[in-house]
């Protein structure tokens, strides 16, 4: 079911989860960009496991920091990401760093032409020119699909984190939603429909966002449901409406089709 998936996804904590606000990678990068160079080595050392994991995942094998040039490439790319990151982009620093590391490793693979299991940068761009001989078309397609799936997972996790922060403003946690999720499919479908229609109503959705509570009276009249039903499922309805009316491209698919991903789907 949808909320069980949420709970599962939230259980996959990132490196920065639980860190004090001033100790997040975004805050540290901002300080470095403002001239605090002493933090640069600290940040790189702290996220050395992340750099190693990103390089190993791309290469589809364990990368030995002492022997493999790919780790040096990834390390330099992480440093490059520190200089190039912009908080105004709205994305997390580690997501941006992962993308920079991946691009630099692709460039490295093209130059070396010895890593037959890696996708060349040209394959990601759709260019079948220089470097295309590294992989057959089938291998290139598979590698590109794997890369796209990794990016989707990162984006989905970012959406989960953003939604958790927005829900916190309503006094709602994922634990609350997991406990209060409707048990019956008919009830769930009805509530999902109400939540989507609430998000589609500019006046009611604005009331929800501004007052941080359900517009119970107006919603009762619009949906012809009892106030008791709305109050009992308040948290579920708020979460559904925020997803439907928010910038949650991946999560929206789970409220548009209630059966999707309900059983055994891995995010």
Foldseek 3Di string as FASTA:
>chain_A
DLLVQLVVLVVPDDLQPPPPPCPGPVNLLVVVLVPPVVCLVVSLVSCLVVLQVLLCVQLVHHDDCVPDVLSVQLSVQLSVLSNVDDVVVVDGSSLSSSVSSNQSVLVVCLVVLPSLQHAHPCLLVVHCPRSVVSYDPVSSVVSNVVVVVVNVSRLLSRLSVVLQVLLVVLVDHSVNCVVLPDPDPVLNLLLLVLLLVCLVDVVQVVCCNPVSFHPQVVSCVVSVDDSVSCVSCGSVSSSSNCCNNHPNVVSVVCSVDVVPPPPDDDD
